[in-house]
């Protein structure tokens, strides 16, 4: 904790966070930002602040109407299908983000998000942590897996590693994940 005092967990609206992580697979941060901006400029509402335009992320119902082919034109590639199907599932009420964010326990919320095409454990946990404020969510990517192996001697994989981390770090596992991620990116 001394390594990076004052670390905070960013908070985005759940839908925007989920959509961004759906589109992030195998992409670098700069490209993810460019895709998000393109989607917002083309389909989101525009607001002016001090003479500058700002674009909101479009709702699931707006993106459900856009369709896969138009999303593909935003440099999404194969991710366009996942974003399109997720938007349609949310717009139709098949998945209720309000329930995910406020009503379901963390494990049930994760299961509900994983029902969406293109959403696995990592994306679900990222959405829960950064979009729903579920501090017990512990997203595991290659950086986190590496640091758990090197510093905690954990050779577990997948769900076993996820279960170990959630149990070990407890109800604030998301904060632990952020410290570990920052430490790994700066030192490994």
Protein backbone atom coordinates (compact mmCIF):
# COMPACT_ATOMS: atom_id res chain seq x y z
CA UNK A 1 0.00 0.00 0.00
CA UNK A 2 2.98 2.28 0.54
CA UNK A 3 3.94 1.76 -3.11
CA UNK A 4 0.94 3.66 -4.48
CA UNK A 5 -0.85 5.62 -1.74
CA UNK A 6 -4.19 7.17 -2.54
CA UNK A 7 -5.12 4.77 -5.33
CA UNK A 8 -8.76 5.04 -6.36
CA UNK A 9 -11.08 2.82 -8.33
CA UNK A 10 -12.57 4.60 -11.33
CA UNK A 11 -16.34 4.52 -11.58
CA UNK A 12 -18.24 4.62 -14.88
CA UNK A 13 -21.92 4.06 -15.56
CA UNK A 14 -22.40 0.29 -15.65
CA UNK A 15 -23.56 0.07 -19.28
CA UNK A 16 -20.72 2.25 -20.59
CA UNK A 17 -18.21 0.27 -18.53
CA UNK A 18 -19.57 -3.09 -19.70
CA UNK A 19 -19.66 -2.00 -23.34
CA UNK A 20 -16.12 -0.64 -23.16
CA UNK A 21 -14.77 -3.88 -21.70
CA UNK A 22 -16.69 -5.92 -24.29
CA UNK A 23 -14.87 -3.94 -26.98
CA UNK A 24 -11.46 -4.12 -25.26
CA UNK A 25 -10.43 -7.70 -26.00
CA UNK A 26 -6.88 -7.83 -27.42
CA UNK A 27 -6.80 -4.04 -27.84
CA UNK A 28 -4.45 -1.42 -26.44
CA UNK A 29 -5.83 1.41 -24.30
CA UNK A 30 -5.37 4.07 -27.01
CA UNK A 31 -7.37 2.00 -29.50
CA UNK A 32 -10.10 1.27 -26.93
CA UNK A 33 -10.43 5.02 -26.27
CA UNK A 34 -10.60 5.75 -30.01
CA UNK A 35 -13.35 3.14 -30.50
CA UNK A 36 -15.33 4.50 -27.55
CA UNK A 37 -15.03 8.06 -28.87
CA UNK A 38 -16.13 6.96 -32.35
CA UNK A 39 -19.21 5.20 -30.93
CA UNK A 40 -20.05 8.21 -28.75
CA UNK A 41 -19.63 10.70 -31.62
CA UNK A 42 -21.72 8.68 -34.06
CA UNK A 43 -24.52 7.49 -31.77
CA UNK A 44 -24.37 9.36 -28.44
CA UNK A 45 -25.99 12.63 -27.42
CA UNK A 46 -23.79 15.72 -27.79
CA UNK A 47 -23.50 18.22 -24.94
CA UNK A 48 -21.69 21.55 -24.99
CA UNK A 49 -19.52 22.71 -22.12
CA UNK A 50 -17.54 25.94 -22.42
CA UNK A 51 -17.97 25.76 -26.19
CA UNK A 52 -16.57 22.22 -26.44
CA UNK A 53 -18.62 19.21 -27.50
CA UNK A 54 -18.84 16.19 -25.21
CA UNK A 55 -20.53 12.98 -26.28
CA UNK A 56 -22.42 10.63 -23.99
CA UNK A 57 -22.19 6.89 -24.49
CA UNK A 58 -25.31 5.70 -26.34
CA UNK A 59 -27.86 3.64 -24.46
CA UNK A 60 -28.36 -0.07 -25.13
CA UNK A 61 -31.59 0.71 -27.01
CA UNK A 62 -29.78 3.14 -29.33
CA UNK A 63 -26.99 0.65 -30.07
CA UNK A 64 -29.52 -2.17 -30.51
CA UNK A 65 -31.02 -0.15 -33.36
CA UNK A 66 -27.60 0.57 -34.90
CA UNK A 67 -26.83 -3.08 -35.55
CA UNK A 68 -23.71 -5.17 -35.97
CA UNK A 69 -22.62 -3.94 -39.40
CA UNK A 70 -22.65 -0.27 -38.41
CA UNK A 71 -20.75 -1.10 -35.21
CA UNK A 72 -18.20 -3.05 -37.24
CA UNK A 73 -17.46 0.22 -39.09
CA UNK A 74 -16.26 1.67 -35.76
CA UNK A 75 -13.17 -0.60 -35.93
CA UNK A 76 -14.71 -3.17 -33.60
CA UNK A 77 -14.03 -6.16 -35.81
CA UNK A 78 -15.42 -9.39 -34.35
CA UNK A 79 -16.34 -7.49 -31.14
CA UNK A 80 -19.18 -5.75 -33.01
CA UNK A 81 -21.32 -8.88 -32.72
CA UNK A 82 -20.78 -9.05 -28.95
CA UNK A 83 -21.64 -5.38 -28.43
CA UNK A 84 -24.68 -5.65 -30.70
CA UNK A 85 -26.02 -8.74 -28.93
CA UNK A 86 -25.35 -7.25 -25.48
CA UNK A 87 -27.18 -4.04 -26.41
CA UNK A 88 -30.13 -6.05 -27.72
CA UNK A 89 -30.28 -8.24 -24.59
CA UNK A 90 -30.30 -5.16 -22.36
CA UNK A 91 -32.73 -3.17 -24.52
CA UNK A 92 -35.18 -6.08 -24.57
CA UNK A 93 -35.00 -6.55 -20.80
CA UNK A 94 -33.51 -10.04 -21.10
CA UNK A 95 -30.75 -8.79 -18.78
CA UNK A 96 -31.61 -6.15 -16.17
CA UNK A 97 -28.61 -3.95 -15.36
CA UNK A 98 -30.46 -2.28 -12.49
CA UNK A 99 -30.79 -5.68 -10.82
CA UNK A 100 -27.15 -6.48 -11.58
CA UNK A 101 -26.03 -3.22 -10.03
CA UNK A 102 -28.36 -2.96 -7.04
CA UNK A 103 -30.26 -6.15 -6.29
CA UNK A 104 -28.30 -9.30 -7.06
CA UNK A 105 -25.50 -10.58 -4.86
CA UNK A 106 -22.05 -10.36 -6.44
CA UNK A 107 -21.89 -13.97 -7.64
CA UNK A 108 -25.40 -13.81 -9.14
CA UNK A 109 -24.62 -10.46 -10.76
CA UNK A 110 -21.52 -11.99 -12.33
CA UNK A 111 -23.51 -14.98 -13.62
CA UNK A 112 -26.09 -12.64 -15.11
CA UNK A 113 -23.46 -10.62 -16.99
CA UNK A 114 -21.74 -13.78 -18.24
CA UNK A 115 -25.00 -14.70 -19.98
CA UNK A 116 -24.19 -11.93 -22.47
CA UNK A 117 -22.36 -12.92 -25.65
CA UNK A 118 -18.70 -11.94 -25.40
CA UNK A 119 -18.71 -11.53 -21.62
CA UNK A 120 -16.54 -13.88 -19.60
CA UNK A 121 -15.38 -13.72 -16.00
CA UNK A 122 -12.79 -10.99 -16.56
CA UNK A 123 -15.17 -8.63 -18.39
CA UNK A 124 -17.96 -9.34 -15.88
CA UNK A 125 -15.65 -8.65 -12.93
CA UNK A 126 -14.33 -5.46 -14.56
CA UNK A 127 -17.90 -4.24 -15.10
CA UNK A 128 -18.87 -5.13 -11.54
CA UNK A 129 -15.84 -3.40 -10.03
CA UNK A 130 -15.59 -0.29 -12.22
CA UNK A 131 -19.25 0.09 -13.21
CA UNK A 132 -21.26 -1.23 -10.27
CA UNK A 133 -18.93 -0.46 -7.39
CA UNK A 134 -18.79 -4.10 -6.31
CA UNK A 135 -15.55 -3.93 -4.31
CA UNK A 136 -15.33 -7.72 -3.96
CA UNK A 137 -14.95 -8.23 -7.72
CA UNK A 138 -11.40 -9.27 -8.67
CA UNK A 139 -10.68 -9.09 -12.42
CA UNK A 140 -7.80 -11.35 -13.43
CA UNK A 141 -5.78 -10.50 -16.53
CA UNK A 142 -2.26 -11.54 -17.51
CA UNK A 143 -0.70 -8.94 -15.19
CA UNK A 144 -2.69 -10.06 -12.16
CA UNK A 145 -2.12 -13.74 -12.92
CA UNK A 146 1.62 -13.08 -13.20
CA UNK A 147 1.85 -11.20 -9.91
CA UNK A 148 -0.22 -13.81 -8.06
CA UNK A 149 2.16 -16.49 -9.31
CA UNK A 150 5.32 -14.56 -8.50
CA UNK A 151 4.38 -13.04 -5.14
CA UNK A 152 1.82 -15.47 -3.77
CA UNK A 153 3.19 -18.65 -5.38
CA UNK A 154 -0.21 -19.48 -6.77
CA UNK A 155 -0.21 -21.90 -9.68
CA UNK A 156 -3.98 -22.07 -9.90
CA UNK A 157 -5.84 -21.20 -13.09
CA UNK A 158 -9.23 -19.81 -14.04
CA UNK A 159 -12.03 -20.26 -11.54
CA UNK A 160 -9.72 -21.75 -8.90
CA UNK A 161 -7.46 -18.70 -9.00
CA UNK A 162 -10.52 -16.43 -8.96
CA UNK A 163 -11.94 -18.24 -5.93
CA UNK A 164 -8.60 -18.12 -4.10
CA UNK A 165 -8.17 -14.37 -4.72
CA UNK A 166 -11.74 -13.54 -3.69
CA UNK A 167 -11.35 -15.58 -0.50
CA UNK A 168 -7.86 -14.28 0.31
CA UNK A 169 -8.55 -10.59 -0.30
CA UNK A 170 -12.17 -10.64 0.91
CA UNK A 171 -14.83 -7.99 0.48
CA UNK A 172 -12.34 -5.38 -0.76
CA UNK A 173 -10.65 -7.65 -3.29
CA UNK A 174 -11.16 -5.04 -6.00
CA UNK A 175 -8.92 -2.59 -4.16
CA UNK A 176 -6.28 -5.29 -3.74
CA UNK A 177 -6.53 -5.98 -7.48
CA UNK A 178 -5.91 -2.32 -8.28
CA UNK A 179 -2.82 -2.18 -6.06
CA UNK A 180 -1.49 -5.41 -7.55
CA UNK A 181 -2.21 -4.24 -11.11
CA UNK A 182 -0.47 -0.90 -10.58
CA UNK A 183 2.50 -2.59 -8.89
CA UNK A 184 2.78 -5.19 -11.67
CA UNK A 185 2.64 -2.61 -14.45
CA UNK A 186 5.35 -0.50 -12.81
CA UNK A 187 7.72 -3.25 -11.65
CA UNK A 188 7.39 -6.35 -13.84
